């Protein structure tokens, strides 16, 4: 995806290795990570690179996407074995 008009959701972002580059090519990113220390690391990494178009969420994907009115695409970064228990779509 390479549209600056798009909003992407990236699930299980960890430290943001894929999320941060995505934020450079789309208008907005909804970054979802249930593990709070990883979410904090990703936020620090985004701040280091001056990325301000990321909405961070420690909630489930449906909650994180709530209220979005723009078209969006969904990406899941290497799902963990317990993903079904952690995130219900």
Protein backbone atom coordinates (compact mmCIF):
# COMPACT_ATOMS: atom_id res chain seq x y z
CA UNK A 1 0.00 0.00 0.00
CA UNK A 2 1.37 3.43 -0.83
CA UNK A 3 -1.52 5.83 -0.50
CA UNK A 4 -1.13 8.89 1.68
CA UNK A 5 -4.95 9.00 1.87
CA UNK A 6 -5.22 5.55 3.45
CA UNK A 7 -5.46 4.50 7.06
CA UNK A 8 -3.81 1.19 7.93
CA UNK A 9 -4.26 -0.94 11.01
CA UNK A 10 -1.27 -2.97 12.12
CA UNK A 11 -1.88 -5.64 14.74
CA UNK A 12 0.72 -7.08 17.17
CA UNK A 13 3.18 -4.29 16.42
CA UNK A 14 5.89 -5.25 18.94
CA UNK A 15 8.57 -2.53 18.76
CA UNK A 16 7.17 -1.12 15.51
CA UNK A 17 9.63 -2.64 13.02
CA UNK A 18 6.94 -2.77 10.31
CA UNK A 19 4.59 -0.14 11.70
CA UNK A 20 7.06 2.74 11.54
CA UNK A 21 7.92 2.30 7.84
CA UNK A 22 4.19 1.95 7.10
CA UNK A 23 3.58 5.31 8.81
CA UNK A 24 5.87 6.92 6.23
CA UNK A 25 3.70 5.87 3.27
CA UNK A 26 0.11 6.15 4.53
CA UNK A 27 -1.81 9.04 6.04
CA UNK A 28 -2.53 7.31 9.36
CA UNK A 29 -1.74 4.08 11.16
CA UNK A 30 -3.70 2.47 13.96
CA UNK A 31 -1.11 0.43 15.86
CA UNK A 32 -2.49 -2.32 18.11
CA UNK A 33 -0.40 -4.15 20.70
CA UNK A 34 -1.72 -5.80 23.86
CA UNK A 35 1.68 -6.14 25.54
CA UNK A 36 2.18 -2.75 27.21
CA UNK A 37 6.02 -2.78 27.34
CA UNK A 38 6.18 -3.41 23.58
CA UNK A 39 3.67 -0.62 22.96
CA UNK A 40 5.80 1.76 25.03
CA UNK A 41 8.92 0.80 23.03
CA UNK A 42 7.12 1.36 19.74
CA UNK A 43 5.98 4.81 20.88
CA UNK A 44 9.55 5.72 21.80
CA UNK A 45 10.81 4.52 18.42
CA UNK A 46 8.17 6.56 16.58
CA UNK A 47 9.07 9.62 18.62
CA UNK A 48 12.75 9.12 17.78
CA UNK A 49 11.90 9.23 14.06
CA UNK A 50 9.40 12.08 14.34
CA UNK A 51 6.37 10.02 13.28
CA UNK A 52 3.17 11.62 14.53
CA UNK A 53 0.52 9.93 12.37
CA UNK A 54 0.19 6.79 14.51
CA UNK A 55 -2.73 6.17 16.84
CA UNK A 56 -1.62 3.74 19.55
CA UNK A 57 -3.93 1.20 21.16
CA UNK A 58 -3.58 -1.54 23.74
CA UNK A 59 -7.18 -2.58 23.08
CA UNK A 60 -8.68 -5.24 20.82
CA UNK A 61 -8.77 -4.52 17.09
CA UNK A 62 -12.52 -3.70 16.95
CA UNK A 63 -12.12 -1.21 19.80
CA UNK A 64 -8.97 0.27 18.26
CA UNK A 65 -10.70 0.78 14.91
CA UNK A 66 -13.83 2.27 16.43
CA UNK A 67 -14.81 5.61 14.97
CA UNK A 68 -12.67 5.41 11.84
CA UNK A 69 -14.53 6.75 8.83
CA UNK A 70 -11.80 6.47 6.21
CA UNK A 71 -11.02 3.38 4.13
CA UNK A 72 -8.55 1.15 5.85
CA UNK A 73 -6.43 -1.92 5.34
CA UNK A 74 -5.56 -4.44 8.01
CA UNK A 75 -2.12 -5.97 8.54
CA UNK A 76 -1.15 -8.56 11.12
CA UNK A 77 2.49 -8.87 11.99
CA UNK A 78 3.50 -12.50 12.48
CA UNK A 79 0.59 -13.65 14.64
CA UNK A 80 1.54 -15.18 17.95
CA UNK A 81 0.16 -18.61 18.86
CA UNK A 82 -2.17 -17.02 21.41
CA UNK A 83 -3.48 -14.34 19.02
CA UNK A 84 -6.97 -15.83 18.93
CA UNK A 85 -7.25 -15.53 22.69
CA UNK A 86 -5.79 -12.03 22.86
CA UNK A 87 -7.61 -10.40 19.94
CA UNK A 88 -11.14 -11.18 18.89
CA UNK A 89 -12.06 -9.77 15.49
